[in-house]
Every structure is written in structure tokens, then in C-alpha cells.
Amino acid sequence: MALGLAELFLRVEVRLPIDNSETADLSNLNGPSDIELEPGKRTSFYAEGGANVQWFSASAFVETLAFSQSPLDERYQSALQPDTEATMIGAKIGIQF
């Protein structure tokens, strides 16, 4: 929505992961260097709102990340990626051109 020289915006996203994997290196703790983690695929959300005024941009955002527990590791018989949720709240300022 444009208001003279200012433009207000709002963005909302639903994020559906396609692939989610990680290799952990625990060699600095006298552990293995090749643990494969494959946490499940869970939906995450992102929302951002702000304003653009001439060359400047400012916004606030909130982002969620969610990972379900990884399968049991065959060698260690434990889940190395626990069920995890995170929320990040932040602000952005910038120059646009």
C-alpha cells in the first residue's frame, strides 16, 4: 500500500521443508566426526511488516523453526536431534535502490 512517498508492506509465509539433514562433528569431545542427523519435516512460519520511505526501509519480523526428533542413531541407540522449536523476533533497517 503506497502513501505518497511511503509504502507499507506485510508478508506472511508458511514454509514447508523439502529436505532437512545435518552431519555433526563431535571429534572435539572425543566422539565421532560423522553423525548423520535427519530431523523430521515440520511446518515453520514467517511474518514481516514494515515501511519503505524513499531510500530507506524498516521492518519487524517473527520467524519460527521446528524440528521433530531424529530417528535413533544405529550405533548409539539414541536420538541425537531432540524435538526442538525456536522463535526469532527481530528488526531490519536498510537502504533500498
PDB file of N, CA and C in Angstrom:
ATOM      1  N   MET A   1       0.857  -1.172   0.000  1.00  0.00           N
ATOM      2  CA  MET A   1       0.000   0.000   0.000  1.00  0.00           C
ATOM      3  C   MET A   1       0.897   1.228   0.000  1.00  0.00           C
ATOM      4  N   ALA A   2       0.709   2.114  -0.965  1.00  0.00           N
ATOM      5  CA  ALA A   2       1.535   3.302  -1.079  1.00  0.00           C
ATOM      6  C   ALA A   2       0.818   4.506  -0.488  1.00  0.00           C
ATOM      7  N   LEU A   3       1.536   5.313   0.295  1.00  0.00           N
ATOM      8  CA  LEU A   3       1.016   6.542   0.893  1.00  0.00           C
ATOM      9  C   LEU A   3       1.964   7.675   0.521  1.00  0.00           C
ATOM     10  N   GLY A   4       1.745   8.299  -0.622  1.00  0.00           N
ATOM     11  CA  GLY A   4       2.657   9.347  -1.064  1.00  0.00           C
ATOM     12  C   GLY A   4       4.030   8.770  -1.340  1.00  0.00           C
ATOM     13  N   LEU A   5       5.021   9.184  -0.535  1.00  0.00           N
ATOM     14  CA  LEU A   5       6.382   8.701  -0.704  1.00  0.00           C
ATOM     15  C   LEU A   5       6.659   7.447   0.121  1.00  0.00           C
ATOM     16  N   ALA A   6       5.688   7.002   0.917  1.00  0.00           N
ATOM     17  CA  ALA A   6       5.889   5.827   1.775  1.00  0.00           C
ATOM     18  C   ALA A   6       5.087   4.640   1.255  1.00  0.00           C
ATOM     19  N   GLU A   7       5.627   3.458   1.494  1.00  0.00           N
ATOM     20  CA  GLU A   7       4.950   2.222   1.123  1.00  0.00           C
ATOM     21  C   GLU A   7       4.966   1.292   2.347  1.00  0.00           C
ATOM     22  N   LEU A   8       3.794   0.835   2.765  1.00  0.00           N
ATOM     23  CA  LEU A   8       3.691  -0.116   3.867  1.00  0.00           C
ATOM     24  C   LEU A   8       3.586  -1.520   3.292  1.00  0.00           C
ATOM     25  N   PHE A   9       4.156  -2.502   3.992  1.00  0.00           N
ATOM     26  CA  PHE A   9       4.061  -3.875   3.484  1.00  0.00           C
ATOM     27  C   PHE A   9       3.908  -4.866   4.627  1.00  0.00           C
ATOM     28  N   LEU A  10       3.329  -5.994   4.283  1.00  0.00           N
ATOM     29  CA  LEU A  10       3.158  -7.111   5.210  1.00  0.00           C
ATOM     30  C   LEU A  10       3.359  -8.394   4.412  1.00  0.00           C
ATOM     31  N   ARG A  11       4.176  -9.303   4.955  1.00  0.00           N
ATOM     32  CA  ARG A  11       4.416 -10.580   4.288  1.00  0.00           C
ATOM     33  C   ARG A  11       4.211 -11.691   5.317  1.00  0.00           C
ATOM     34  N   VAL A  12       3.465 -12.711   4.932  1.00  0.00           N
ATOM     35  CA  VAL A  12       3.258 -13.879   5.785  1.00  0.00           C
ATOM     36  C   VAL A  12       3.584 -15.114   4.944  1.00  0.00           C
ATOM     37  N   GLU A  13       4.414 -16.013   5.507  1.00  0.00           N
ATOM     38  CA  GLU A  13       4.824 -17.214   4.778  1.00  0.00           C
ATOM     39  C   GLU A  13       4.612 -18.452   5.635  1.00  0.00           C
ATOM     40  N   VAL A  14       4.255 -19.535   4.978  1.00  0.00           N
ATOM     41  CA  VAL A  14       4.262 -20.865   5.578  1.00  0.00           C
ATOM     42  C   VAL A  14       5.363 -21.624   4.851  1.00  0.00           C
ATOM     43  N   ARG A  15       6.325 -22.136   5.604  1.00  0.00           N
ATOM     44  CA  ARG A  15       7.481 -22.796   4.997  1.00  0.00           C
ATOM     45  C   ARG A  15       7.383 -24.301   5.207  1.00  0.00           C
ATOM     46  N   LEU A  16       7.423 -25.029   4.090  1.00  0.00           N
ATOM     47  CA  LEU A  16       7.336 -26.486   4.112  1.00  0.00           C
ATOM     48  C   LEU A  16       8.684 -27.055   3.672  1.00  0.00           C
ATOM     49  N   PRO A  17       9.454 -27.641   4.585  1.00  0.00           N
ATOM     50  CA  PRO A  17      10.781 -28.140   4.204  1.00  0.00           C
ATOM     51  C   PRO A  17      10.705 -29.321   3.248  1.00  0.00           C
ATOM     52  N   ILE A  18      11.614 -29.356   2.292  1.00  0.00           N
ATOM     53  CA  ILE A  18      11.713 -30.461   1.339  1.00  0.00           C
ATOM     54  C   ILE A  18      12.741 -31.472   1.832  1.00  0.00           C
ATOM     55  N   ASP A  19      13.870 -30.980   2.322  1.00  0.00           N
ATOM     56  CA  ASP A  19      14.926 -31.856   2.822  1.00  0.00           C
ATOM     57  C   ASP A  19      15.536 -31.206   4.052  1.00  0.00           C
ATOM     58  N   ASN A  20      15.851 -32.005   5.039  1.00  0.00           N
ATOM     59  CA  ASN A  20      16.421 -31.484   6.274  1.00  0.00           C
ATOM     60  C   ASN A  20      17.393 -32.516   6.815  1.00  0.00           C
ATOM     61  N   SER A  21      18.691 -32.244   6.684  1.00  0.00           N
ATOM     62  CA  SER A  21      19.704 -33.172   7.186  1.00  0.00           C
ATOM     63  C   SER A  21      20.921 -32.387   7.647  1.00  0.00           C
ATOM     64  N   GLU A  22      21.709 -33.019   8.499  1.00  0.00           N
ATOM     65  CA  GLU A  22      22.895 -32.369   9.054  1.00  0.00           C
ATOM     66  C   GLU A  22      23.895 -33.443   9.455  1.00  0.00           C
ATOM     67  N   THR A  23      25.173 -33.127   9.321  1.00  0.00           N
ATOM     68  CA  THR A  23      26.232 -34.008   9.808  1.00  0.00           C
ATOM     69  C   THR A  23      26.898 -33.322  10.988  1.00  0.00           C
ATOM     70  N   ALA A  24      26.953 -34.010  12.125  1.00  0.00           N
ATOM     71  CA  ALA A  24      27.555 -33.451  13.338  1.00  0.00           C
ATOM     72  C   ALA A  24      28.968 -33.989  13.513  1.00  0.00           C
ATOM     73  N   ASP A  25      29.862 -33.117  13.940  1.00  0.00           N
ATOM     74  CA  ASP A  25      31.250 -33.484  14.213  1.00  0.00           C
ATOM     75  C   ASP A  25      31.492 -33.324  15.709  1.00  0.00           C
ATOM     76  N   LEU A  26      31.603 -34.435  16.425  1.00  0.00           N
ATOM     77  CA  LEU A  26      31.840 -34.410  17.864  1.00  0.00           C
ATOM     78  C   LEU A  26      33.275 -34.800  18.213  1.00  0.00           C
ATOM     79  N   SER A  27      34.169 -34.706  17.235  1.00  0.00           N
ATOM     80  CA  SER A  27      35.550 -35.126  17.469  1.00  0.00           C
ATOM     81  C   SER A  27      36.244 -34.277  18.532  1.00  0.00           C
ATOM     82  N   ASN A  28      35.833 -33.031  18.701  1.00  0.00           N
ATOM     83  CA  ASN A  28      36.448 -32.198  19.739  1.00  0.00           C
ATOM     84  C   ASN A  28      36.026 -32.648  21.144  1.00  0.00           C
ATOM     85  N   LEU A  29      35.033 -33.540  21.244  1.00  0.00           N
ATOM     86  CA  LEU A  29      34.592 -34.113  22.519  1.00  0.00           C
ATOM     87  C   LEU A  29      34.961 -35.594  22.608  1.00  0.00           C
ATOM     88  N   ASN A  30      35.932 -36.002  21.810  1.00  0.00           N
ATOM     89  CA  ASN A  30      36.366 -37.402  21.715  1.00  0.00           C
ATOM     90  C   ASN A  30      35.267 -38.320  21.180  1.00  0.00           C
ATOM     91  N   GLY A  31      34.399 -37.774  20.376  1.00  0.00           N
ATOM     92  CA  GLY A  31      33.336 -38.563  19.769  1.00  0.00           C
ATOM     93  C   GLY A  31      33.578 -38.716  18.277  1.00  0.00           C
ATOM     94  N   PRO A  32      32.611 -39.267  17.568  1.00  0.00           N
ATOM     95  CA  PRO A  32      32.748 -39.458  16.123  1.00  0.00           C
ATOM     96  C   PRO A  32      32.631 -38.131  15.369  1.00  0.00           C
ATOM     97  N   SER A  33      33.099 -38.135  14.137  1.00  0.00           N
ATOM     98  CA  SER A  33      33.052 -36.926  13.317  1.00  0.00           C
ATOM     99  C   SER A  33      32.015 -37.002  12.204  1.00  0.00           C
ATOM    100  N   ASP A  34      31.193 -38.043  12.202  1.00  0.00           N
ATOM    101  CA  ASP A  34      30.279 -38.224  11.066  1.00  0.00           C
ATOM    102  C   ASP A  34      28.889 -38.681  11.475  1.00  0.00           C
ATOM    103  N   ILE A  35      28.313 -38.086  12.491  1.00  0.00           N
ATOM    104  CA  ILE A  35      26.962 -38.452  12.908  1.00  0.00           C
ATOM    105  C   ILE A  35      25.963 -37.780  11.966  1.00  0.00           C
ATOM    106  N   GLU A  36      25.100 -38.567  11.353  1.00  0.00           N
ATOM    107  CA  GLU A  36      24.090 -38.057  10.437  1.00  0.00           C
ATOM    108  C   GLU A  36      22.789 -37.810  11.192  1.00  0.00           C
ATOM    109  N   LEU A  37      22.304 -36.567  11.166  1.00  0.00           N
ATOM    110  CA  LEU A  37      21.037 -36.215  11.791  1.00  0.00           C
ATOM    111  C   LEU A  37      19.999 -35.980  10.704  1.00  0.00           C
ATOM    112  N   GLU A  38      18.828 -36.529  10.872  1.00  0.00           N
ATOM    113  CA  GLU A  38      17.745 -36.310   9.925  1.00  0.00           C
ATOM    114  C   GLU A  38      16.467 -35.997  10.694  1.00  0.00           C
ATOM    115  N   PRO A  39      16.379 -34.778  11.258  1.00  0.00           N
ATOM    116  CA  PRO A  39      15.151 -34.428  11.964  1.00  0.00           C
ATOM    117  C   PRO A  39      13.986 -34.374  10.981  1.00  0.00           C
ATOM    118  N   GLY A  40      12.805 -34.582  11.496  1.00  0.00           N
ATOM    119  CA  GLY A  40      11.621 -34.611  10.641  1.00  0.00           C
ATOM    120  C   GLY A  40      11.305 -33.272  10.009  1.00  0.00           C
ATOM    121  N   LYS A  41      10.377 -33.284   9.110  1.00  0.00           N
ATOM    122  CA  LYS A  41       9.962 -32.085   8.386  1.00  0.00           C
ATOM    123  C   LYS A  41       8.697 -31.526   9.037  1.00  0.00           C
ATOM    124  N   ARG A  42       8.824 -30.357   9.659  1.00  0.00           N
ATOM    125  CA  ARG A  42       7.677 -29.702  10.279  1.00  0.00           C
ATOM    126  C   ARG A  42       7.530 -28.306   9.703  1.00  0.00           C
ATOM    127  N   THR A  43       6.302 -27.860   9.576  1.00  0.00           N
ATOM    128  CA  THR A  43       5.996 -26.552   9.021  1.00  0.00           C
ATOM    129  C   THR A  43       6.513 -25.443   9.931  1.00  0.00           C
ATOM    130  N   SER A  44       7.070 -24.399   9.326  1.00  0.00           N
ATOM    131  CA  SER A  44       7.506 -23.210  10.047  1.00  0.00           C
ATOM    132  C   SER A  44       6.785 -22.001   9.467  1.00  0.00           C
ATOM    133  N   PHE A  45       6.814 -20.891  10.215  1.00  0.00           N
ATOM    134  CA  PHE A  45       6.096 -19.681   9.808  1.00  0.00           C
ATOM    135  C   PHE A  45       7.019 -18.473   9.841  1.00  0.00           C
ATOM    136  N   TYR A  46       6.702 -17.491   8.991  1.00  0.00           N
ATOM    137  CA  TYR A  46       7.452 -16.243   8.934  1.00  0.00           C
ATOM    138  C   TYR A  46       6.474 -15.112   8.677  1.00  0.00           C
ATOM    139  N   ALA A  47       6.606 -14.009   9.396  1.00  0.00           N
ATOM    140  CA  ALA A  47       5.779 -12.827   9.160  1.00  0.00           C
ATOM    141  C   ALA A  47       6.663 -11.596   9.307  1.00  0.00           C
ATOM    142  N   GLU A  48       6.455 -10.626   8.414  1.00  0.00           N
ATOM    143  CA  GLU A  48       7.233  -9.390   8.441  1.00  0.00           C
ATOM    144  C   GLU A  48       6.342  -8.233   8.026  1.00  0.00           C
ATOM    145  N   GLY A  49       6.461  -7.121   8.704  1.00  0.00           N
ATOM    146  CA  GLY A  49       5.726  -5.917   8.356  1.00  0.00           C
ATOM    147  C   GLY A  49       6.629  -4.716   8.509  1.00  0.00           C
ATOM    148  N   GLY A  50       6.449  -3.723   7.618  1.00  0.00           N
ATOM    149  CA  GLY A  50       7.314  -2.561   7.711  1.00  0.00           C
ATOM    150  C   GLY A  50       6.924  -1.482   6.730  1.00  0.00           C
ATOM    151  N   ALA A  51       7.859  -0.577   6.511  1.00  0.00           N
ATOM    152  CA  ALA A  51       7.621   0.556   5.623  1.00  0.00           C
ATOM    153  C   ALA A  51       8.874   0.857   4.817  1.00  0.00           C
ATOM    154  N   ASN A  52       8.652   1.307   3.586  1.00  0.00           N
ATOM    155  CA  ASN A  52       9.704   1.816   2.722  1.00  0.00           C
ATOM    156  C   ASN A  52       9.419   3.300   2.508  1.00  0.00           C
ATOM    157  N   VAL A  53      10.379   4.161   2.837  1.00  0.00           N
ATOM    158  CA  VAL A  53      10.232   5.604   2.659  1.00  0.00           C
ATOM    159  C   VAL A  53      11.427   6.081   1.848  1.00  0.00           C
ATOM    160  N   GLN A  54      11.164   6.508   0.641  1.00  0.00           N
ATOM    161  CA  GLN A  54      12.199   6.908  -0.301  1.00  0.00           C
ATOM    162  C   GLN A  54      13.288   5.838  -0.373  1.00  0.00           C
ATOM    163  N   TRP A  55      14.485   6.097   0.099  1.00  0.00           N
ATOM    164  CA  TRP A  55      15.595   5.152   0.000  1.00  0.00           C
ATOM    165  C   TRP A  55      15.729   4.245   1.212  1.00  0.00           C
ATOM    166  N   PHE A  56      14.914   4.453   2.234  1.00  0.00           N
ATOM    167  CA  PHE A  56      15.077   3.721   3.487  1.00  0.00           C
ATOM    168  C   PHE A  56      13.977   2.683   3.690  1.00  0.00           C
ATOM    169  N   SER A  57      14.339   1.613   4.366  1.00  0.00           N
ATOM    170  CA  SER A  57      13.397   0.534   4.651  1.00  0.00           C
ATOM    171  C   SER A  57      13.572   0.128   6.116  1.00  0.00           C
ATOM    172  N   ALA A  58      12.447  -0.138   6.790  1.00  0.00           N
ATOM    173  CA  ALA A  58      12.482  -0.618   8.172  1.00  0.00           C
ATOM    174  C   ALA A  58      11.337  -1.608   8.352  1.00  0.00           C
ATOM    175  N   SER A  59      11.615  -2.669   9.085  1.00  0.00           N
ATOM    176  CA  SER A  59      10.570  -3.667   9.312  1.00  0.00           C
ATOM    177  C   SER A  59      10.849  -4.437  10.594  1.00  0.00           C
ATOM    178  N   ALA A  60       9.832  -5.138  11.059  1.00  0.00           N
ATOM    179  CA  ALA A  60       9.944  -6.058  12.193  1.00  0.00           C
ATOM    180  C   ALA A  60       9.477  -7.421  11.698  1.00  0.00           C
ATOM    181  N   PHE A  61      10.050  -8.494  12.269  1.00  0.00           N
ATOM    182  CA  PHE A  61       9.681  -9.828  11.802  1.00  0.00           C
ATOM    183  C   PHE A  61       9.647 -10.810  12.965  1.00  0.00           C
ATOM    184  N   VAL A  62       8.955 -11.916  12.729  1.00  0.00           N
ATOM    185  CA  VAL A  62       8.959 -13.058  13.638  1.00  0.00           C
ATOM    186  C   VAL A  62       9.081 -14.316  12.778  1.00  0.00           C
ATOM    187  N   GLU A  63       9.948 -15.226  13.195  1.00  0.00           N
ATOM    188  CA  GLU A  63      10.186 -16.458  12.438  1.00  0.00           C
ATOM    189  C   GLU A  63      10.204 -17.635  13.407  1.00  0.00           C
ATOM    190  N   THR A  64       9.532 -18.703  13.031  1.00  0.00           N
ATOM    191  CA  THR A  64       9.564 -19.917  13.844  1.00  0.00           C
ATOM    192  C   THR A  64      10.289 -21.014  13.077  1.00  0.00           C
ATOM    193  N   LEU A  65      10.963 -21.872  13.814  1.00  0.00           N
ATOM    194  CA  LEU A  65      11.593 -23.059  13.250  1.00  0.00           C
ATOM    195  C   LEU A  65      11.210 -24.233  14.135  1.00  0.00           C
ATOM    196  N   ALA A  66      10.897 -25.355  13.532  1.00  0.00           N
ATOM    197  CA  ALA A  66      10.502 -26.537  14.297  1.00  0.00           C
ATOM    198  C   ALA A  66      11.137 -27.773  13.672  1.00  0.00           C
ATOM    199  N   PHE A  67      11.718 -28.610  14.520  1.00  0.00           N
ATOM    200  CA  PHE A  67      12.336 -29.855  14.085  1.00  0.00           C
ATOM    201  C   PHE A  67      11.835 -30.969  14.982  1.00  0.00           C
ATOM    202  N   SER A  68      11.348 -32.042  14.398  1.00  0.00           N
ATOM    203  CA  SER A  68      10.942 -33.183  15.208  1.00  0.00           C
ATOM    204  C   SER A  68      12.167 -34.046  15.507  1.00  0.00           C
ATOM    205  N   GLN A  69      12.021 -34.929  16.442  1.00  0.00           N
ATOM    206  CA  GLN A  69      13.127 -35.787  16.868  1.00  0.00           C
ATOM    207  C   GLN A  69      13.649 -36.621  15.708  1.00  0.00           C
ATOM    208  N   SER A  70      14.966 -36.727  15.626  1.00  0.00           N
ATOM    209  CA  SER A  70      15.564 -37.552  14.580  1.00  0.00           C
ATOM    210  C   SER A  70      15.401 -39.024  14.950  1.00  0.00           C
ATOM    211  N   PRO A  71      15.488 -39.914  13.971  1.00  0.00           N
ATOM    212  CA  PRO A  71      15.440 -41.341  14.273  1.00  0.00           C
ATOM    213  C   PRO A  71      16.601 -41.737  15.178  1.00  0.00           C
ATOM    214  N   LEU A  72      16.467 -42.853  15.863  1.00  0.00           N
ATOM    215  CA  LEU A  72      17.548 -43.340  16.717  1.00  0.00           C
ATOM    216  C   LEU A  72      18.785 -43.632  15.881  1.00  0.00           C
ATOM    217  N   ASP A  73      19.926 -43.203  16.365  1.00  0.00           N
ATOM    218  CA  ASP A  73      21.186 -43.492  15.706  1.00  0.00           C
ATOM    219  C   ASP A  73      21.493 -44.976  15.904  1.00  0.00           C
ATOM    220  N   GLU A  74      21.836 -45.686  14.827  1.00  0.00           N
ATOM    221  CA  GLU A  74      22.066 -47.138  14.905  1.00  0.00           C
ATOM    222  C   GLU A  74      23.233 -47.498  15.816  1.00  0.00           C
ATOM    223  N   ARG A  75      24.291 -46.693  15.803  1.00  0.00           N
ATOM    224  CA  ARG A  75      25.472 -47.007  16.611  1.00  0.00           C
ATOM    225  C   ARG A  75      25.293 -46.666  18.084  1.00  0.00           C
ATOM    226  N   TYR A  76      24.567 -45.597  18.376  1.00  0.00           N
ATOM    227  CA  TYR A  76      24.495 -45.113  19.755  1.00  0.00           C
ATOM    228  C   TYR A  76      23.124 -45.341  20.404  1.00  0.00           C
ATOM    229  N   GLN A  77      22.148 -45.801  19.616  1.00  0.00           N
ATOM    230  CA  GLN A  77      20.797 -46.086  20.097  1.00  0.00           C
ATOM    231  C   GLN A  77      20.209 -44.913  20.892  1.00  0.00           C
ATOM    232  N   SER A  78      20.405 -43.714  20.354  1.00  0.00           N
ATOM    233  CA  SER A  78      19.820 -42.533  20.981  1.00  0.00           C
ATOM    234  C   SER A  78      19.408 -41.558  19.880  1.00  0.00           C
ATOM    235  N   ALA A  79      18.471 -40.693  20.216  1.00  0.00           N
ATOM    236  CA  ALA A  79      18.052 -39.645  19.294  1.00  0.00           C
ATOM    237  C   ALA A  79      18.982 -38.466  19.491  1.00  0.00           C
ATOM    238  N   LEU A  80      19.731 -38.119  18.474  1.00  0.00           N
ATOM    239  CA  LEU A  80      20.719 -37.063  18.609  1.00  0.00           C
ATOM    240  C   LEU A  80      20.146 -35.684  18.322  1.00  0.00           C
ATOM    241  N   GLN A  81      19.010 -35.593  17.677  1.00  0.00           N
ATOM    242  CA  GLN A  81      18.308 -34.328  17.463  1.00  0.00           C
ATOM    243  C   GLN A  81      17.002 -34.403  18.227  1.00  0.00           C
ATOM    244  N   PRO A  82      16.884 -33.721  19.355  1.00  0.00           N
ATOM    245  CA  PRO A  82      15.624 -33.769  20.099  1.00  0.00           C
ATOM    246  C   PRO A  82      14.543 -32.953  19.398  1.00  0.00           C
ATOM    247  N   ASP A  83      13.311 -33.133  19.828  1.00  0.00           N
ATOM    248  CA  ASP A  83      12.200 -32.319  19.356  1.00  0.00           C
ATOM    249  C   ASP A  83      12.512 -30.873  19.748  1.00  0.00           C
ATOM    250  N   THR A  84      12.583 -29.972  18.766  1.00  0.00           N
ATOM    251  CA  THR A  84      13.072 -28.618  19.010  1.00  0.00           C
ATOM    252  C   THR A  84      12.176 -27.583  18.350  1.00  0.00           C
ATOM    253  N   GLU A  85      11.933 -26.483  19.060  1.00  0.00           N
ATOM    254  CA  GLU A  85      11.219 -25.342  18.498  1.00  0.00           C
ATOM    255  C   GLU A  85      11.975 -24.079  18.849  1.00  0.00           C
ATOM    256  N   ALA A  86      12.016 -23.127  17.925  1.00  0.00           N
ATOM    257  CA  ALA A  86      12.689 -21.855  18.158  1.00  0.00           C
ATOM    258  C   ALA A  86      11.856 -20.728  17.560  1.00  0.00           C
ATOM    259  N   THR A  87      11.909 -19.575  18.192  1.00  0.00           N
ATOM    260  CA  THR A  87      11.248 -18.375  17.679  1.00  0.00           C
ATOM    261  C   THR A  87      12.258 -17.238  17.676  1.00  0.00           C
ATOM    262  N   MET A  88      12.367 -16.564  16.541  1.00  0.00           N
ATOM    263  CA  MET A  88      13.266 -15.428  16.424  1.00  0.00           C
ATOM    264  C   MET A  88      12.422 -14.187  16.138  1.00  0.00           C
ATOM    265  N   ILE A  89      12.641 -13.126  16.909  1.00  0.00           N
ATOM    266  CA  ILE A  89      11.959 -11.852  16.705  1.00  0.00           C
ATOM    267  C   ILE A  89      13.047 -10.822  16.441  1.00  0.00           C
ATOM    268  N   GLY A  90      12.874 -10.009  15.407  1.00  0.00           N
ATOM    269  CA  GLY A  90      13.927  -9.071  15.081  1.00  0.00           C
ATOM    270  C   GLY A  90      13.431  -7.874  14.305  1.00  0.00           C
ATOM    271  N   ALA A  91      14.366  -7.033  13.933  1.00  0.00           N
ATOM    272  CA  ALA A  91      14.077  -5.821  13.160  1.00  0.00           C
ATOM    273  C   ALA A  91      15.138  -5.703  12.070  1.00  0.00           C
ATOM    274  N   LYS A  92      14.735  -5.075  10.972  1.00  0.00           N
ATOM    275  CA  LYS A  92      15.645  -4.835   9.855  1.00  0.00           C
ATOM    276  C   LYS A  92      15.578  -3.362   9.488  1.00  0.00           C
ATOM    277  N   ILE A  93      16.712  -2.776   9.197  1.00  0.00           N
ATOM    278  CA  ILE A  93      16.761  -1.432   8.620  1.00  0.00           C
ATOM    279  C   ILE A  93      17.715  -1.493   7.449  1.00  0.00           C
ATOM    280  N   GLY A  94      17.445  -0.699   6.431  1.00  0.00           N
ATOM    281  CA  GLY A  94      18.302  -0.759   5.270  1.00  0.00           C
ATOM    282  C   GLY A  94      18.082   0.393   4.308  1.00  0.00           C
ATOM    283  N   ILE A  95      18.905   0.380   3.285  1.00  0.00           N
ATOM    284  CA  ILE A  95      18.799   1.332   2.189  1.00  0.00           C
ATOM    285  C   ILE A  95      18.426   0.533   0.959  1.00  0.00           C
ATOM    286  N   GLN A  96      17.422   0.999   0.232  1.00  0.00           N
ATOM    287  CA  GLN A  96      16.988   0.279  -0.959  1.00  0.00           C
ATOM    288  C   GLN A  96      17.300   1.099  -2.205  1.00  0.00           C
ATOM    289  N   PHE A  97      17.654   0.399  -3.257  1.00  0.00           N
ATOM    290  CA  PHE A  97      17.936   1.065  -4.534  1.00  0.00           C
ATOM    291  C   PHE A  97      17.587   0.164  -5.661  1.00  0.00           C
TER     292      PHE A  97
END
